PDB file of N, CA and C in Angstrom:
ATOM      1  N   MET A   1      11.745 -12.973  -4.745  1.00  0.00           N
ATOM      2  CA  MET A   1      11.772 -14.069  -3.782  1.00  0.00           C
ATOM      3  C   MET A   1      10.912 -15.006  -4.394  1.00  0.00           C
ATOM      4  N   ASN A   2      11.250 -16.348  -4.255  1.00  0.00           N
ATOM      5  CA  ASN A   2      10.475 -17.595  -4.604  1.00  0.00           C
ATOM      6  C   ASN A   2       9.764 -18.381  -3.454  1.00  0.00           C
ATOM      7  N   TYR A   3       8.774 -18.797  -3.622  1.00  0.00           N
ATOM      8  CA  TYR A   3       7.857 -19.509  -2.611  1.00  0.00           C
ATOM      9  C   TYR A   3       7.524 -20.851  -3.332  1.00  0.00           C
ATOM     10  N   ASN A   4       8.098 -21.995  -2.982  1.00  0.00           N
ATOM     11  CA  ASN A   4       7.822 -23.049  -3.588  1.00  0.00           C
ATOM     12  C   ASN A   4       8.000 -23.022  -5.321  1.00  0.00           C
ATOM     13  N   GLY A   5       8.947 -22.261  -5.648  1.00  0.00           N
ATOM     14  CA  GLY A   5       9.266 -22.121  -7.063  1.00  0.00           C
ATOM     15  C   GLY A   5       8.367 -21.256  -7.685  1.00  0.00           C
ATOM     16  N   VAL A   6       7.503 -20.402  -6.913  1.00  0.00           N
ATOM     17  CA  VAL A   6       6.628 -19.404  -7.724  1.00  0.00           C
ATOM     18  C   VAL A   6       7.095 -17.981  -7.238  1.00  0.00           C
ATOM     19  N   LYS A   7       7.239 -17.288  -8.213  1.00  0.00           N
ATOM     20  CA  LYS A   7       7.751 -15.931  -8.077  1.00  0.00           C
ATOM     21  C   LYS A   7       6.480 -15.168  -7.324  1.00  0.00           C
ATOM     22  N   MET A   8       6.881 -14.564  -6.237  1.00  0.00           N
ATOM     23  CA  MET A   8       5.929 -13.929  -5.395  1.00  0.00           C
ATOM     24  C   MET A   8       5.645 -12.361  -6.160  1.00  0.00           C
ATOM     25  N   LYS A   9       4.231 -11.944  -6.016  1.00  0.00           N
ATOM     26  CA  LYS A   9       4.011 -10.639  -6.628  1.00  0.00           C
ATOM     27  C   LYS A   9       4.006  -9.648  -5.210  1.00  0.00           C
ATOM     28  N   TYR A  10       4.601  -8.483  -5.500  1.00  0.00           N
ATOM     29  CA  TYR A  10       4.532  -7.493  -4.438  1.00  0.00           C
ATOM     30  C   TYR A  10       3.566  -6.181  -4.836  1.00  0.00           C
ATOM     31  N   PHE A  11       3.049  -5.832  -3.862  1.00  0.00           N
ATOM     32  CA  PHE A  11       2.106  -4.530  -4.235  1.00  0.00           C
ATOM     33  C   PHE A  11       2.475  -3.484  -3.312  1.00  0.00           C
ATOM     34  N   VAL A  12       2.582  -2.143  -3.879  1.00  0.00           N
ATOM     35  CA  VAL A  12       2.459  -1.007  -3.042  1.00  0.00           C
ATOM     36  C   VAL A  12       1.076  -0.579  -3.045  1.00  0.00           C
ATOM     37  N   TYR A  13       0.675  -0.111  -1.763  1.00  0.00           N
ATOM     38  CA  TYR A  13      -0.705   0.282  -1.593  1.00  0.00           C
ATOM     39  C   TYR A  13      -0.754   1.525  -0.804  1.00  0.00           C
ATOM     40  N   ILE A  14      -1.815   2.321  -0.994  1.00  0.00           N
ATOM     41  CA  ILE A  14      -2.254   3.494  -0.140  1.00  0.00           C
ATOM     42  C   ILE A  14      -3.522   3.326   0.397  1.00  0.00           C
ATOM     43  N   LEU A  15      -3.550   3.479   1.655  1.00  0.00           N
ATOM     44  CA  LEU A  15      -4.758   3.604   2.543  1.00  0.00           C
ATOM     45  C   LEU A  15      -5.205   4.767   2.955  1.00  0.00           C
ATOM     46  N   GLU A  16      -6.702   5.098   2.677  1.00  0.00           N
ATOM     47  CA  GLU A  16      -7.227   6.507   3.486  1.00  0.00           C
ATOM     48  C   GLU A  16      -7.695   5.938   4.694  1.00  0.00           C
ATOM     49  N   CYS A  17      -7.276   6.557   5.673  1.00  0.00           N
ATOM     50  CA  CYS A  17      -7.646   6.479   7.235  1.00  0.00           C
ATOM     51  C   CYS A  17      -9.077   7.172   7.410  1.00  0.00           C
ATOM     52  N   SER A  18      -9.808   6.885   8.581  1.00  0.00           N
ATOM     53  CA  SER A  18     -10.883   7.654   8.746  1.00  0.00           C
ATOM     54  C   SER A  18     -10.614   9.075   8.936  1.00  0.00           C
ATOM     55  N   ASP A  19      -9.507   9.520   9.462  1.00  0.00           N
ATOM     56  CA  ASP A  19      -9.269  10.873   9.647  1.00  0.00           C
ATOM     57  C   ASP A  19      -8.924  11.571   8.315  1.00  0.00           C
ATOM     58  N   THR A  20      -8.901  10.932   7.213  1.00  0.00           N
ATOM     59  CA  THR A  20      -8.553  11.366   5.779  1.00  0.00           C
ATOM     60  C   THR A  20      -6.913  11.342   5.724  1.00  0.00           C
ATOM     61  N   THR A  21      -6.157  10.984   6.492  1.00  0.00           N
ATOM     62  CA  THR A  21      -4.745  10.876   6.290  1.00  0.00           C
ATOM     63  C   THR A  21      -4.515   9.531   5.408  1.00  0.00           C
ATOM     64  N   LEU A  22      -3.301   9.607   4.862  1.00  0.00           N
ATOM     65  CA  LEU A  22      -3.042   8.445   3.982  1.00  0.00           C
ATOM     66  C   LEU A  22      -1.854   7.718   4.665  1.00  0.00           C
ATOM     67  N   TYR A  23      -1.988   6.399   4.370  1.00  0.00           N
ATOM     68  CA  TYR A  23      -0.817   5.547   4.893  1.00  0.00           C
ATOM     69  C   TYR A  23      -0.417   4.492   3.857  1.00  0.00           C
ATOM     70  N   THR A  24       0.871   4.532   3.440  1.00  0.00           N
ATOM     71  CA  THR A  24       1.495   3.609   2.291  1.00  0.00           C
ATOM     72  C   THR A  24       2.450   2.426   2.988  1.00  0.00           C
ATOM     73  N   GLY A  25       2.206   1.286   2.097  1.00  0.00           N
ATOM     74  CA  GLY A  25       2.772   0.114   2.680  1.00  0.00           C
ATOM     75  C   GLY A  25       2.964  -0.761   1.350  1.00  0.00           C
ATOM     76  N   ILE A  26       3.685  -2.033   1.640  1.00  0.00           N
ATOM     77  CA  ILE A  26       3.757  -2.956   0.728  1.00  0.00           C
ATOM     78  C   ILE A  26       3.241  -4.404   1.358  1.00  0.00           C
ATOM     79  N   THR A  27       2.876  -5.143   0.362  1.00  0.00           N
ATOM     80  CA  THR A  27       2.352  -6.669   0.767  1.00  0.00           C
ATOM     81  C   THR A  27       2.355  -7.345  -0.507  1.00  0.00           C
ATOM     82  N   THR A  28       2.290  -8.843  -0.181  1.00  0.00           N
ATOM     83  CA  THR A  28       2.093  -9.715  -1.244  1.00  0.00           C
ATOM     84  C   THR A  28       0.552  -9.987  -1.323  1.00  0.00           C
ATOM     85  N   ASP A  29      -0.328  -9.608  -0.482  1.00  0.00           N
ATOM     86  CA  ASP A  29      -1.720  -9.857  -0.689  1.00  0.00           C
ATOM     87  C   ASP A  29      -2.415  -8.734  -0.064  1.00  0.00           C
ATOM     88  N   ILE A  30      -2.945  -7.810  -0.993  1.00  0.00           N
ATOM     89  CA  ILE A  30      -3.659  -6.540  -0.666  1.00  0.00           C
ATOM     90  C   ILE A  30      -5.053  -6.806   0.229  1.00  0.00           C
ATOM     91  N   GLU A  31      -5.804  -7.768  -0.106  1.00  0.00           N
ATOM     92  CA  GLU A  31      -6.983  -7.917   0.505  1.00  0.00           C
ATOM     93  C   GLU A  31      -6.947  -8.419   1.993  1.00  0.00           C
ATOM     94  N   ARG A  32      -5.833  -9.249   2.281  1.00  0.00           N
ATOM     95  CA  ARG A  32      -5.483  -9.761   3.656  1.00  0.00           C
ATOM     96  C   ARG A  32      -4.892  -8.622   4.368  1.00  0.00           C
ATOM     97  N   ARG A  33      -4.117  -7.767   3.708  1.00  0.00           N
ATOM     98  CA  ARG A  33      -3.313  -6.743   4.291  1.00  0.00           C
ATOM     99  C   ARG A  33      -4.478  -5.633   4.772  1.00  0.00           C
ATOM    100  N   VAL A  34      -5.314  -5.063   3.975  1.00  0.00           N
ATOM    101  CA  VAL A  34      -6.316  -4.283   4.228  1.00  0.00           C
ATOM    102  C   VAL A  34      -7.271  -4.839   5.465  1.00  0.00           C
ATOM    103  N   GLN A  35      -7.563  -6.018   5.434  1.00  0.00           N
ATOM    104  CA  GLN A  35      -8.307  -6.729   6.449  1.00  0.00           C
ATOM    105  C   GLN A  35      -7.506  -6.633   7.740  1.00  0.00           C
ATOM    106  N   GLU A  36      -6.379  -6.850   7.818  1.00  0.00           N
ATOM    107  CA  GLU A  36      -5.327  -6.626   8.961  1.00  0.00           C
ATOM    108  C   GLU A  36      -5.467  -5.391   9.565  1.00  0.00           C
ATOM    109  N   HIS A  37      -5.314  -4.438   8.545  1.00  0.00           N
ATOM    110  CA  HIS A  37      -5.223  -2.908   9.101  1.00  0.00           C
ATOM    111  C   HIS A  37      -6.613  -2.665   9.872  1.00  0.00           C
ATOM    112  N   ASN A  38      -7.667  -3.164   9.308  1.00  0.00           N
ATOM    113  CA  ASN A  38      -8.964  -2.827   9.750  1.00  0.00           C
ATOM    114  C   ASN A  38      -9.295  -3.583  11.072  1.00  0.00           C
ATOM    115  N   SER A  39      -8.792  -4.727  11.238  1.00  0.00           N
ATOM    116  CA  SER A  39      -9.500  -5.668  12.434  1.00  0.00           C
ATOM    117  C   SER A  39      -8.490  -6.623  13.172  1.00  0.00           C
ATOM    118  N   SER A  40      -7.043  -6.393  12.860  1.00  0.00           N
ATOM    119  CA  SER A  40      -6.148  -7.252  13.518  1.00  0.00           C
ATOM    120  C   SER A  40      -5.139  -6.550  14.245  1.00  0.00           C
ATOM    121  N   ASP A  41      -4.488  -7.097  15.066  1.00  0.00           N
ATOM    122  CA  ASP A  41      -3.236  -6.661  15.786  1.00  0.00           C
ATOM    123  C   ASP A  41      -2.026  -6.537  14.973  1.00  0.00           C
ATOM    124  N   LYS A  42      -2.241  -7.255  13.537  1.00  0.00           N
ATOM    125  CA  LYS A  42      -1.103  -7.267  12.733  1.00  0.00           C
ATOM    126  C   LYS A  42      -1.156  -6.018  11.982  1.00  0.00           C
ATOM    127  N   GLY A  43      -2.233  -5.266  12.025  1.00  0.00           N
ATOM    128  CA  GLY A  43      -2.147  -4.041  11.278  1.00  0.00           C
ATOM    129  C   GLY A  43      -1.061  -3.059  11.810  1.00  0.00           C
ATOM    130  N   ALA A  44      -0.671  -1.922  11.062  1.00  0.00           N
ATOM    131  CA  ALA A  44       0.243  -1.058  11.547  1.00  0.00           C
ATOM    132  C   ALA A  44      -0.339  -0.007  12.646  1.00  0.00           C
ATOM    133  N   LYS A  45       0.698   0.138  13.519  1.00  0.00           N
ATOM    134  CA  LYS A  45       0.358   0.937  14.886  1.00  0.00           C
ATOM    135  C   LYS A  45      -0.421   2.387  14.169  1.00  0.00           C
ATOM    136  N   TYR A  46       0.007   2.949  13.186  1.00  0.00           N
ATOM    137  CA  TYR A  46      -0.510   4.158  12.693  1.00  0.00           C
ATOM    138  C   TYR A  46      -1.999   3.899  12.411  1.00  0.00           C
ATOM    139  N   THR A  47      -2.522   2.922  11.696  1.00  0.00           N
ATOM    140  CA  THR A  47      -3.773   2.656  11.390  1.00  0.00           C
ATOM    141  C   THR A  47      -4.764   2.192  12.436  1.00  0.00           C
ATOM    142  N   LYS A  48      -4.074   1.604  13.427  1.00  0.00           N
ATOM    143  CA  LYS A  48      -4.859   1.000  14.495  1.00  0.00           C
ATOM    144  C   LYS A  48      -5.896   2.042  15.168  1.00  0.00           C
ATOM    145  N   THR A  49      -5.536   3.097  15.396  1.00  0.00           N
ATOM    146  CA  THR A  49      -6.295   4.336  15.808  1.00  0.00           C
ATOM    147  C   THR A  49      -6.962   5.235  14.746  1.00  0.00           C
ATOM    148  N   ARG A  50      -7.008   4.774  13.587  1.00  0.00           N
ATOM    149  CA  ARG A  50      -7.551   5.482  12.521  1.00  0.00           C
ATOM    150  C   ARG A  50      -8.512   4.596  11.647  1.00  0.00           C
ATOM    151  N   ARG A  51      -9.012   3.636  12.217  1.00  0.00           N
ATOM    152  CA  ARG A  51     -10.051   2.670  11.445  1.00  0.00           C
ATOM    153  C   ARG A  51     -11.290   3.473  11.371  1.00  0.00           C
ATOM    154  N   PRO A  52     -12.037   2.909  10.364  1.00  0.00           N
ATOM    155  CA  PRO A  52     -11.614   2.014   9.272  1.00  0.00           C
ATOM    156  C   PRO A  52     -10.818   2.655   8.286  1.00  0.00           C
ATOM    157  N   VAL A  53     -10.106   1.827   7.562  1.00  0.00           N
ATOM    158  CA  VAL A  53      -9.258   2.243   6.299  1.00  0.00           C
ATOM    159  C   VAL A  53      -9.836   1.739   5.160  1.00  0.00           C
ATOM    160  N   LYS A  54      -9.572   2.477   4.033  1.00  0.00           N
ATOM    161  CA  LYS A  54      -9.951   1.948   2.801  1.00  0.00           C
ATOM    162  C   LYS A  54      -8.770   2.048   1.752  1.00  0.00           C
ATOM    163  N   LEU A  55      -8.838   1.093   0.829  1.00  0.00           N
ATOM    164  CA  LEU A  55      -7.716   1.020  -0.178  1.00  0.00           C
ATOM    165  C   LEU A  55      -8.061   2.024  -1.223  1.00  0.00           C
ATOM    166  N   VAL A  56      -7.163   2.941  -1.609  1.00  0.00           N
ATOM    167  CA  VAL A  56      -7.419   4.047  -2.452  1.00  0.00           C
ATOM    168  C   VAL A  56      -6.516   3.853  -3.558  1.00  0.00           C
ATOM    169  N   TYR A  57      -5.293   3.113  -3.440  1.00  0.00           N
ATOM    170  CA  TYR A  57      -4.501   3.041  -4.670  1.00  0.00           C
ATOM    171  C   TYR A  57      -3.448   1.667  -4.407  1.00  0.00           C
ATOM    172  N   SER A  58      -3.210   1.063  -5.641  1.00  0.00           N
ATOM    173  CA  SER A  58      -2.212  -0.140  -5.432  1.00  0.00           C
ATOM    174  C   SER A  58      -1.604  -0.193  -6.803  1.00  0.00           C
ATOM    175  N   CYS A  59      -0.384  -0.691  -6.793  1.00  0.00           N
ATOM    176  CA  CYS A  59       0.382  -1.063  -8.071  1.00  0.00           C
ATOM    177  C   CYS A  59       1.094  -2.271  -7.752  1.00  0.00           C
ATOM    178  N   GLU A  60       1.128  -3.085  -8.853  1.00  0.00           N
ATOM    179  CA  GLU A  60       1.924  -4.198  -8.721  1.00  0.00           C
ATOM    180  C   GLU A  60       3.510  -4.105  -9.178  1.00  0.00           C
ATOM    181  N   CYS A  61       4.311  -4.745  -8.374  1.00  0.00           N
ATOM    182  CA  CYS A  61       5.734  -4.565  -8.651  1.00  0.00           C
ATOM    183  C   CYS A  61       6.285  -5.843  -8.788  1.00  0.00           C
ATOM    184  N   SER A  62       7.295  -5.957  -9.599  1.00  0.00           N
ATOM    185  CA  SER A  62       8.023  -7.225 -10.038  1.00  0.00           C
ATOM    186  C   SER A  62       8.726  -7.882  -8.934  1.00  0.00           C
ATOM    187  N   ASP A  63       9.241  -7.179  -7.969  1.00  0.00           N
ATOM    188  CA  ASP A  63       9.852  -7.893  -6.966  1.00  0.00           C
ATOM    189  C   ASP A  63       9.694  -6.915  -5.549  1.00  0.00           C
ATOM    190  N   ARG A  64      10.281  -7.597  -4.426  1.00  0.00           N
ATOM    191  CA  ARG A  64      10.458  -6.778  -3.141  1.00  0.00           C
ATOM    192  C   ARG A  64      11.193  -5.555  -3.124  1.00  0.00           C
ATOM    193  N   SER A  65      12.162  -5.611  -3.896  1.00  0.00           N
ATOM    194  CA  SER A  65      13.121  -4.335  -4.130  1.00  0.00           C
ATOM    195  C   SER A  65      12.459  -3.408  -4.708  1.00  0.00           C
ATOM    196  N   SER A  66      11.759  -3.411  -5.902  1.00  0.00           N
ATOM    197  CA  SER A  66      11.167  -2.404  -6.661  1.00  0.00           C
ATOM    198  C   SER A  66       9.943  -2.002  -5.715  1.00  0.00           C
ATOM    199  N   ALA A  67       9.323  -2.814  -5.038  1.00  0.00           N
ATOM    200  CA  ALA A  67       7.931  -2.454  -4.376  1.00  0.00           C
ATOM    201  C   ALA A  67       8.554  -1.347  -3.115  1.00  0.00           C
ATOM    202  N   SER A  68       9.618  -1.733  -2.599  1.00  0.00           N
ATOM    203  CA  SER A  68      10.303  -0.974  -1.416  1.00  0.00           C
ATOM    204  C   SER A  68      10.632   0.338  -1.861  1.00  0.00           C
ATOM    205  N   LYS A  69      11.287   0.330  -3.033  1.00  0.00           N
ATOM    206  CA  LYS A  69      11.712   1.634  -3.743  1.00  0.00           C
ATOM    207  C   LYS A  69      10.563   2.514  -4.045  1.00  0.00           C
ATOM    208  N   LYS A  70       9.573   1.948  -4.476  1.00  0.00           N
ATOM    209  CA  LYS A  70       8.278   2.682  -4.831  1.00  0.00           C
ATOM    210  C   LYS A  70       7.624   3.189  -3.541  1.00  0.00           C
ATOM    211  N   GLU A  71       7.571   2.430  -2.630  1.00  0.00           N
ATOM    212  CA  GLU A  71       6.878   2.738  -1.303  1.00  0.00           C
ATOM    213  C   GLU A  71       7.705   3.853  -0.753  1.00  0.00           C
ATOM    214  N   TYR A  72       8.937   3.992  -0.774  1.00  0.00           N
ATOM    215  CA  TYR A  72      10.004   4.994  -0.300  1.00  0.00           C
ATOM    216  C   TYR A  72       9.527   6.166  -0.956  1.00  0.00           C
ATOM    217  N   ALA A  73       9.442   6.117  -2.180  1.00  0.00           N
ATOM    218  CA  ALA A  73       9.242   7.446  -3.092  1.00  0.00           C
ATOM    219  C   ALA A  73       7.888   7.926  -2.776  1.00  0.00           C
ATOM    220  N   ILE A  74       6.935   7.134  -2.676  1.00  0.00           N
ATOM    221  CA  ILE A  74       5.637   7.529  -2.372  1.00  0.00           C
ATOM    222  C   ILE A  74       5.585   8.232  -0.984  1.00  0.00           C
ATOM    223  N   LYS A  75       6.226   7.716   0.034  1.00  0.00           N
ATOM    224  CA  LYS A  75       6.166   8.210   1.466  1.00  0.00           C
ATOM    225  C   LYS A  75       6.835   9.520   1.452  1.00  0.00           C
ATOM    226  N   HIS A  76       7.737   9.794   0.505  1.00  0.00           N
ATOM    227  CA  HIS A  76       8.396  11.094   0.531  1.00  0.00           C
ATOM    228  C   HIS A  76       7.536  12.253  -0.204  1.00  0.00           C
ATOM    229  N   LEU A  77       6.553  11.868  -0.961  1.00  0.00           N
ATOM    230  CA  LEU A  77       5.701  12.885  -1.767  1.00  0.00           C
ATOM    231  C   LEU A  77       5.073  13.672  -0.729  1.00  0.00           C
ATOM    232  N   SER A  78       4.557  14.771  -1.127  1.00  0.00           N
ATOM    233  CA  SER A  78       3.569  15.691  -0.336  1.00  0.00           C
ATOM    234  C   SER A  78       2.258  15.146  -0.365  1.00  0.00           C
ATOM    235  N   ARG A  79       1.445  15.320   0.337  1.00  0.00           N
ATOM    236  CA  ARG A  79      -0.002  14.938   0.493  1.00  0.00           C
ATOM    237  C   ARG A  79      -0.708  15.388  -0.949  1.00  0.00           C
ATOM    238  N   LYS A  80      -0.379  16.564  -1.393  1.00  0.00           N
ATOM    239  CA  LYS A  80      -0.825  16.987  -2.629  1.00  0.00           C
ATOM    240  C   LYS A  80      -0.385  16.106  -3.893  1.00  0.00           C
ATOM    241  N   LYS A  81       0.792  15.627  -3.875  1.00  0.00           N
ATOM    242  CA  LYS A  81       1.400  14.803  -4.861  1.00  0.00           C
ATOM    243  C   LYS A  81       0.677  13.422  -4.723  1.00  0.00           C
ATOM    244  N   LYS A  82       0.466  12.951  -3.624  1.00  0.00           N
ATOM    245  CA  LYS A  82      -0.040  11.709  -3.327  1.00  0.00           C
ATOM    246  C   LYS A  82      -1.474  11.798  -3.781  1.00  0.00           C
ATOM    247  N   LEU A  83      -2.155  12.768  -3.536  1.00  0.00           N
ATOM    248  CA  LEU A  83      -3.522  12.772  -4.197  1.00  0.00           C
ATOM    249  C   LEU A  83      -3.648  12.818  -5.734  1.00  0.00           C
ATOM    250  N   GLU A  84      -2.547  13.501  -6.301  1.00  0.00           N
ATOM    251  CA  GLU A  84      -2.504  13.510  -7.763  1.00  0.00           C
ATOM    252  C   GLU A  84      -2.180  12.112  -8.314  1.00  0.00           C
ATOM    253  N   LEU A  85      -1.226  11.214  -7.495  1.00  0.00           N
ATOM    254  CA  LEU A  85      -1.142   9.853  -7.854  1.00  0.00           C
ATOM    255  C   LEU A  85      -2.371   9.042  -7.871  1.00  0.00           C
ATOM    256  N   LEU A  86      -3.239   9.314  -6.907  1.00  0.00           N
ATOM    257  CA  LEU A  86      -4.492   8.669  -6.777  1.00  0.00           C
ATOM    258  C   LEU A  86      -5.423   8.905  -7.851  1.00  0.00           C
ATOM    259  N   HIS A  87      -5.346   9.945  -8.668  1.00  0.00           N
ATOM    260  CA  HIS A  87      -6.317  10.235  -9.448  1.00  0.00           C
ATOM    261  C   HIS A  87      -5.777   9.898 -11.067  1.00  0.00           C
ATOM    262  N   LYS A  88      -4.739   9.235 -11.071  1.00  0.00           N
ATOM    263  CA  LYS A  88      -4.206   8.930 -12.490  1.00  0.00           C
ATOM    264  C   LYS A  88      -5.225   7.927 -12.948  1.00  0.00           C
ATOM    265  N   GLU A  89      -5.620   8.025 -14.170  1.00  0.00           N
ATOM    266  CA  GLU A  89      -6.553   7.421 -14.848  1.00  0.00           C
ATOM    267  C   GLU A  89      -6.141   5.950 -15.405  1.00  0.00           C
ATOM    268  N   TYR A  90      -4.817   5.562 -15.136  1.00  0.00           N
ATOM    269  CA  TYR A  90      -4.338   4.379 -15.719  1.00  0.00           C
ATOM    270  C   TYR A  90      -3.722   3.459 -14.454  1.00  0.00           C
ATOM    271  N   THR A  91      -3.484   2.276 -14.823  1.00  0.00           N
ATOM    272  CA  THR A  91      -2.870   1.391 -13.788  1.00  0.00           C
ATOM    273  C   THR A  91      -1.418   1.601 -13.694  1.00  0.00           C
ATOM    274  N   ASP A  92      -0.847   1.989 -12.554  1.00  0.00           N
ATOM    275  CA  ASP A  92       0.513   2.140 -12.317  1.00  0.00           C
ATOM    276  C   ASP A  92       1.458   0.939 -12.384  1.00  0.00           C
ATOM    277  N   LYS A  93       2.453   1.001 -12.945  1.00  0.00           N
ATOM    278  CA  LYS A  93       3.318  -0.157 -12.780  1.00  0.00           C
ATOM    279  C   LYS A  93       4.714   0.452 -12.144  1.00  0.00           C
ATOM    280  N   CYS A  94       5.197  -0.625 -11.291  1.00  0.00           N
ATOM    281  CA  CYS A  94       6.465  -0.104 -10.439  1.00  0.00           C
ATOM    282  C   CYS A  94       7.806  -0.254 -11.474  1.00  0.00           C
TER     283      CYS A  94
END
């Protein structure tokens, strides 16, 4: 998707909630989105009762479609596999 002729970047991210559960989402602005999860009504219903949250993983995707596919894949991983993903020592690309 383009916005004023500029191709938008999409990110898949994982948050760790205060109860140590993990939340996965996509955004075009990670900093803004984490702030929303922590202090805004725009944050996800899931994270509102589990504040504060902290960013533990992110990867840049080429477009919304690839970000959505990556998010879907991560959401279907077991907690153990998600934690393995968090401990990779390289930047992940979608």
